Protein backbone atom coordinates (compact mmCIF):
# COMPACT_ATOMS: atom_id res chain seq x y z
CA MET A 1 125.12 101.52 83.58
CA ALA A 2 121.85 101.30 85.45
CA ILE A 3 121.79 100.10 89.03
CA LYS A 4 119.49 97.00 89.38
CA ALA A 5 116.79 97.06 92.17
CA ALA A 6 114.47 94.31 93.09
CA ILE A 7 111.43 94.01 95.40
CA ILE A 8 110.50 91.25 97.72
CA GLY A 9 106.67 91.67 98.66
CA LEU A 10 104.53 92.73 95.82
CA GLY A 11 101.54 94.00 97.77
CA ARG A 12 100.21 97.50 98.39
CA ILE A 13 103.31 99.41 99.22
CA GLY A 14 105.38 97.22 96.81
CA SER A 15 103.32 98.06 93.82
CA LEU A 16 99.48 98.00 93.97
CA LEU A 17 99.01 101.52 95.44
CA GLU A 18 100.32 102.96 92.19
CA ASP A 19 96.73 102.49 90.86
CA ASP A 20 95.42 104.74 93.50
CA GLN A 21 94.25 107.83 91.36
CA LYS A 22 94.26 110.20 94.28
CA ARG A 23 97.86 109.58 95.63
CA GLU A 24 100.87 111.57 94.59
CA LYS A 25 102.99 109.49 92.26
CA PRO A 26 105.10 107.49 92.53
CA CYS A 27 103.66 106.07 95.72
CA THR A 28 105.13 102.57 95.76
CA HIS A 29 108.63 101.03 95.64
CA ALA A 30 108.04 99.72 92.14
CA GLY A 31 106.83 103.15 91.01
CA ALA A 32 109.67 104.94 92.45
CA ILE A 33 112.30 102.57 91.00
CA ALA A 34 110.65 102.93 87.67
CA ALA A 35 110.49 106.69 87.76
CA THR A 36 114.16 107.23 88.76
CA SER A 37 116.88 107.59 86.15
CA GLY A 38 119.73 105.42 86.80
CA LEU A 39 117.67 102.71 88.39
CA GLU A 40 116.34 99.44 86.72
CA LEU A 41 113.56 97.47 88.06
CA CYS A 42 114.84 93.99 87.45
CA ALA A 43 112.59 91.58 89.26
CA GLY A 44 109.99 90.91 92.05
CA ALA A 45 109.31 88.08 94.48
CA ASP A 46 106.08 87.27 96.36
CA ILE A 47 104.69 83.88 97.65
CA GLU A 48 101.39 84.66 96.44
CA ASP A 49 100.58 83.70 92.74
CA SER A 50 98.02 86.46 92.04
CA ARG A 51 100.48 89.23 93.21
CA ARG A 52 103.16 87.84 91.07
CA LYS A 53 100.97 87.80 88.06
CA LEU A 54 99.90 91.36 88.54
CA PHE A 55 103.39 92.73 89.10
CA GLY A 56 104.75 90.81 86.10
CA GLU A 57 102.15 92.19 83.80
CA LYS A 58 102.34 95.66 85.12
CA TRP A 59 106.15 96.19 85.12
CA ASN A 60 107.22 93.56 82.58
CA VAL A 61 109.88 91.95 84.56
CA PRO A 62 110.61 88.32 85.88
CA VAL A 63 108.84 87.39 89.09
CA TYR A 64 109.86 84.67 91.51
CA PRO A 65 107.90 82.72 94.32
CA ASP A 66 111.24 82.48 96.41
CA ALA A 67 113.43 85.46 97.36
CA GLY A 68 116.57 83.35 97.25
CA ILE A 69 116.03 82.37 93.71
CA LEU A 70 115.58 85.98 92.70
CA LEU A 71 118.73 86.98 94.47
CA GLU A 72 120.86 84.14 93.03
CA LYS A 73 119.57 84.87 89.49
CA GLU A 74 119.19 88.61 89.22
CA ARG A 75 122.01 89.86 91.66
CA PRO A 76 120.57 93.31 92.35
CA GLU A 77 122.51 96.03 93.94
CA ILE A 78 119.48 97.44 95.69
CA LEU A 79 116.88 95.11 97.49
CA HIS A 80 113.41 96.55 98.52
CA ILE A 81 111.93 94.66 101.41
CA ALA A 82 108.09 95.37 101.24
CA THR A 83 106.93 92.26 103.54
CA HIS A 84 105.49 92.08 106.78
CA PRO A 85 107.93 93.27 109.57
CA ASP A 86 108.16 89.82 111.18
CA SER A 87 110.12 88.63 108.06
CA HIS A 88 112.52 91.64 107.64
CA TRP A 89 115.39 90.30 109.47
CA HIS A 90 115.10 87.06 107.49
CA TYR A 91 115.29 88.91 104.23
CA CYS A 92 118.02 91.37 105.46
CA SER A 93 120.15 88.25 106.43
CA LEU A 94 119.37 86.65 103.12
CA ALA A 95 120.61 89.86 101.35
CA GLU A 96 123.83 89.86 103.38
CA HIS A 97 124.32 86.22 102.14
CA TYR A 98 124.10 87.18 98.42
CA ARG A 99 126.16 90.31 99.15
CA VAL A 100 123.47 92.99 98.20
CA PRO A 101 125.20 96.18 98.96
CA VAL A 102 121.93 98.34 99.74
CA ILE A 103 118.51 97.46 101.30
CA VAL A 104 115.38 99.62 101.47
CA CYS A 105 113.35 98.01 104.29
CA GLU A 106 109.78 98.94 104.95
CA LYS A 107 108.78 100.23 108.52
CA PRO A 108 108.51 99.19 111.01
CA LEU A 109 112.05 97.93 110.78
CA ALA A 110 111.08 94.64 112.66
CA ASP A 111 108.25 93.44 115.00
CA THR A 112 110.53 92.69 117.97
CA ILE A 113 113.35 94.77 119.49
CA SER A 114 115.87 92.02 119.26
CA GLU A 115 115.40 91.72 115.45
CA ALA A 116 115.41 95.48 114.98
CA ARG A 117 118.84 95.48 116.88
CA LYS A 118 120.17 92.89 114.58
CA ILE A 119 119.13 94.76 111.49
CA ALA A 120 120.66 97.90 112.80
CA ALA A 121 123.80 96.17 113.78
CA LEU A 122 124.19 94.74 110.26
CA HIS A 123 123.90 98.32 109.01
CA GLU A 124 126.52 99.63 111.38
CA SER A 125 128.85 96.79 110.45
CA GLY A 126 129.14 98.47 106.89
CA LYS A 127 128.47 95.17 105.32
CA ILE A 128 125.20 96.58 103.86
CA THR A 129 123.65 100.07 103.78
CA ILE A 130 120.03 99.79 105.08
CA ILE A 131 117.56 102.41 104.46
CA THR A 132 114.29 102.44 106.57
CA ASN A 133 111.34 103.63 104.41
CA HIS A 134 110.17 106.47 106.89
CA GLU A 135 108.99 108.30 103.87
CA ARG A 136 108.25 111.62 105.42
CA ARG A 137 112.07 112.20 105.85
CA TYR A 138 112.02 112.46 102.09
CA ALA A 139 109.07 114.71 101.57
CA ALA A 140 109.77 118.27 100.61
CA ASP A 141 106.98 119.59 102.96
CA TYR A 142 108.52 117.94 106.02
CA ALA A 143 112.06 119.22 104.84
CA LEU A 144 110.69 122.74 104.81
CA ALA A 145 109.12 122.22 108.35
CA ARG A 146 112.40 120.87 109.57
CA GLN A 147 114.18 124.07 108.38
CA ILE A 148 111.53 126.38 109.83
CA LEU A 149 111.87 124.74 113.30
CA THR A 150 115.62 124.46 113.21
CA GLU A 151 116.22 128.07 112.13
CA GLY A 152 113.85 129.38 114.84
CA LYS A 153 113.67 132.82 113.18
CA ARG A 154 109.91 132.83 112.57
CA LEU A 155 108.52 130.79 115.44
CA GLY A 156 111.26 130.94 118.15
CA HIS A 157 112.03 128.23 120.67
CA LEU A 158 109.93 124.97 120.71
CA ALA A 159 107.80 124.65 123.79
CA GLY A 160 105.66 121.59 123.11
CA VAL A 161 104.52 119.03 120.46
CA LYS A 162 101.26 117.19 119.87
CA GLY A 163 100.64 114.29 117.49
CA THR A 164 97.22 112.89 116.62
CA LEU A 165 96.65 109.59 114.83
CA TYR A 166 93.38 108.16 113.93
CA MET A 167 93.38 105.40 111.28
CA GLY A 168 89.78 104.44 110.91
CA LYS A 169 86.86 102.64 112.58
CA THR A 170 88.03 98.97 112.92
CA ARG A 171 91.64 98.84 113.82
CA ARG A 172 92.90 98.39 117.44
CA LEU A 173 94.98 101.18 119.09
CA ILE A 174 97.98 98.95 119.37
CA ASP A 175 98.01 98.03 115.65
CA GLN A 176 97.69 101.72 114.66
CA LEU A 177 100.55 102.51 117.00
CA TRP A 178 102.77 99.88 115.26
CA HIS A 179 101.76 100.59 111.65
CA ASP A 180 101.31 104.26 111.30
CA GLY A 181 102.60 105.47 114.75
CA THR A 182 105.97 104.30 113.34
CA HIS A 183 105.89 107.17 110.76
CA LEU A 184 104.66 109.72 113.35
CA ALA A 185 107.19 108.89 115.97
CA ASP A 186 109.99 109.05 113.37
CA ALA A 187 108.74 112.39 111.90
CA VAL A 188 108.79 113.92 115.27
CA MET A 189 112.43 112.86 115.76
CA PHE A 190 113.28 113.89 112.24
CA LEU A 191 111.75 117.44 112.46
CA THR A 192 113.35 118.19 115.81
CA GLY A 193 116.61 115.95 115.76
CA ALA A 194 115.50 114.64 119.10
CA VAL A 195 115.12 111.37 120.78
CA LEU A 196 111.57 110.52 121.70
CA LYS A 197 111.09 109.00 125.10
CA HIS A 198 107.84 107.46 126.50
CA GLN A 199 106.90 108.26 130.16
CA LYS A 200 103.06 107.45 130.77
CA THR A 201 100.12 105.92 129.04
CA ILE A 202 96.47 106.76 129.88
CA ALA A 203 94.14 104.53 128.11
CA CYS A 204 90.78 103.38 129.83
CA ASN A 205 90.28 100.33 127.87
CA GLY A 206 93.92 99.45 127.19
CA LEU A 207 95.82 99.55 123.94
CA LYS A 208 94.22 96.45 122.66
CA ALA A 209 90.72 98.14 122.35
CA GLY A 210 89.31 98.96 119.08
CA ARG A 211 87.59 101.98 120.37
CA GLY A 212 88.26 104.98 122.56
CA THR A 213 91.52 107.11 122.91
CA ALA A 214 94.94 106.62 124.36
CA TYR A 215 96.98 109.56 125.42
CA LEU A 216 100.86 108.80 125.36
CA LEU A 217 102.82 111.35 127.44
CA GLY A 218 106.50 111.70 126.64
CA ALA A 219 109.51 114.01 126.07
CA LEU A 220 111.84 114.88 123.25
CA GLN A 221 115.27 114.74 124.69
CA ASN A 222 118.40 116.63 123.34
CA PRO A 223 116.33 118.30 120.35
CA ALA A 224 118.63 120.10 117.83
CA VAL A 225 116.04 122.76 117.37
CA PRO A 226 115.97 126.01 119.62
CA CYS A 227 114.30 125.11 122.97
CA SER A 228 114.97 125.13 126.82
CA GLY A 229 115.87 121.48 127.56
CA SER A 230 113.61 118.66 127.02
CA VAL A 231 110.32 119.21 125.25
CA PRO A 232 106.95 117.57 126.27
CA PHE A 233 105.31 115.44 123.73
CA LEU A 234 101.58 114.44 123.74
CA PHE A 235 100.44 111.51 121.33
CA GLU A 236 96.81 111.20 120.95
CA LEU A 237 95.92 107.71 119.62
CA GLY A 238 92.28 107.26 118.58
CA ALA A 239 90.20 104.21 117.39
CA GLY A 240 86.64 103.78 116.43
CA ARG A 241 86.59 106.87 114.21
CA ASP A 242 85.40 106.80 110.68
CA HIS A 243 88.05 108.95 109.23
CA LEU A 244 91.93 109.09 109.09
CA VAL A 245 94.00 111.79 110.83
CA PHE A 246 97.85 112.09 110.79
CA GLU A 247 98.95 115.40 112.24
CA LEU A 248 101.72 117.03 114.15
CA GLU A 249 101.46 120.29 115.79
CA PHE A 250 104.57 122.21 117.10
CA SER A 251 103.85 124.89 119.69
CA CYS A 252 106.60 127.47 119.79
CA GLU A 253 107.48 130.85 121.50
CA LYS A 254 106.21 132.95 118.67
CA GLY A 255 103.80 130.84 116.86
CA LYS A 256 103.05 127.18 115.82
CA LEU A 257 103.47 124.91 112.92
CA LYS A 258 101.02 122.04 111.81
CA ILE A 259 101.87 119.41 109.25
CA GLY A 260 100.32 116.09 108.36
CA ASN A 261 98.33 114.43 105.62
CA GLY A 262 97.09 117.29 103.41
CA ILE A 263 98.15 119.87 106.11
CA PHE A 264 100.73 122.58 106.13
CA GLU A 265 100.05 125.42 108.31
CA LEU A 266 102.15 128.39 109.84
CA TRP A 267 100.63 130.42 112.64
CA GLU A 268 102.51 133.56 113.78
CA SER A 269 102.08 136.00 116.69
CA ARG A 270 100.60 139.32 115.72
CA GLU A 271 98.85 142.17 117.44
CA SER A 272 95.63 140.62 118.49
CA PRO A 273 92.27 141.86 116.69
CA TYR A 274 90.38 140.82 119.67
CA ALA A 275 91.93 142.45 122.76
CA GLU A 276 94.25 145.48 123.24
CA GLY A 277 97.69 144.63 124.60
CA PHE A 278 97.69 141.16 123.52
CA LYS A 279 98.92 139.03 120.78
CA SER A 280 97.05 136.29 118.81
CA LEU A 281 98.14 133.55 116.47
CA ILE A 282 97.36 134.53 112.91
CA LYS A 283 97.67 132.01 110.14
CA THR A 284 100.29 133.28 107.75
CA GLN A 285 100.64 130.16 105.42
CA GLU A 286 98.33 127.38 104.50
CA GLY A 287 99.10 124.53 102.14
CA PHE A 288 102.31 123.19 100.47
CA THR A 289 102.77 123.84 96.68
CA GLY A 290 104.04 121.15 94.46
CA LYS A 291 104.88 117.60 94.70
CA THR A 292 106.63 116.25 97.94
CA GLY A 293 108.55 113.58 96.20
CA TYR A 294 108.44 111.41 99.20
CA PHE A 295 109.07 108.29 97.31
CA SER A 296 111.05 109.63 94.51
CA ASN A 297 113.49 111.17 96.80
CA MET A 298 113.85 107.87 98.79
CA ALA A 299 114.67 106.00 95.55
CA ALA A 300 117.22 108.77 94.70
CA ASP A 301 118.87 108.19 98.15
CA ALA A 302 118.99 104.40 97.56
CA LEU A 303 120.58 105.13 94.19
CA PHE A 304 123.19 107.30 95.72
CA CYS A 305 123.99 104.88 98.42
CA ALA A 306 124.38 102.05 95.74
CA GLY A 307 126.79 104.51 93.73
CA GLU A 308 128.91 105.18 96.83
CA ARG A 309 129.13 101.39 97.55
CA ARG A 310 130.34 100.78 93.96
CA ASN A 311 133.12 103.18 94.75
CA ASN A 312 133.99 101.16 98.01
CA LYS A 313 132.49 104.01 100.19
CA ILE A 314 129.98 103.62 103.00
CA PRO A 315 127.32 106.02 102.72
CA THR A 316 124.94 107.61 105.36
CA PRO A 317 121.24 107.48 104.13
CA LEU A 318 118.75 110.10 105.23
CA SER A 319 116.78 107.40 106.96
CA SER A 320 118.93 104.57 108.18
CA ALA A 321 118.44 101.43 110.11
CA ALA A 322 119.55 103.19 113.23
CA ASP A 323 116.61 105.62 112.92
CA GLY A 324 114.49 102.55 112.46
CA LEU A 325 115.70 101.04 115.66
CA ARG A 326 115.09 104.28 117.69
CA VAL A 327 111.34 104.09 116.60
CA ILE A 328 111.17 100.57 117.63
CA GLN A 329 112.68 101.37 121.03
CA TYR A 330 110.05 104.13 121.46
CA LEU A 331 107.12 101.79 120.38
CA ARG A 332 108.25 98.99 122.59
CA SER A 333 108.33 101.04 125.57
CA ILE A 334 104.70 101.91 125.00
CA SER A 335 103.61 98.39 123.96
CA ALA A 336 105.14 97.12 127.31
CA TRP A 337 102.42 99.00 129.29
CA ARG A 338 99.36 96.90 130.39
């Protein structure tokens, strides 16, 4: 018997991006549910008439203007929350009222630290299993990067990490930080098993500027990868660019690893072709072959969690509300800077 899944919020990440011809498919909540054997997309809800119309026509399921009515009539076992972060706690508490066993919540987990804590507490209570959709945790290329860093055989001890995020010409630094910096911060913590702590912000025009660059200095505490204590972290956040960049670079004892949107590179120490008695970094791998499965694997995790809840077990998802809270705590410590 298929497990019923419903979606609240029928915009870009809920459904519309499935029409983007360049993205790996599935790339939305609806697309992932529809592509996963054992899941049934049963309904969607949105306050906008046009989105409900498009969703109903594309997926041939009932649509509702009110999430409470959807939950009352459809009784899904998985609820995907793809709305703005200021509404996430409201819909999580509504799901608790209707005894939904599993939630998939878009990032950031909430727009305030207090509501993020409430969502994480609800997950920790065991009443609901809450997955935070930090999609890179589910991507095969990031899983491979984590394995390489953790084993330490090829690259040795981790010495430093740099992240770069540019999200176009018109978005303010602070908005980029909360919208896409969420993914970057979580990816760093996932790949290293560390807790990311902010220490200092350098931004001439402040974080509310729509131009320029901010440098966020921090450290990775208690990493699970081979290293010598805390690892320094530099986050370059840029506005006013006419291009997008999402990239992480891990500098290690015997090489480096770069991963990001369209990027997977390994560089390893070899005898230098430029000077005797020295070693240089030589690129030994470029590109990742095959699909990453970033949305498919998230849906599979939600399906697994719902199956465990049917058997009265409390599962641990790969990306939980606790992980989402750690990211909010990091972002909030940066946002507090003036």
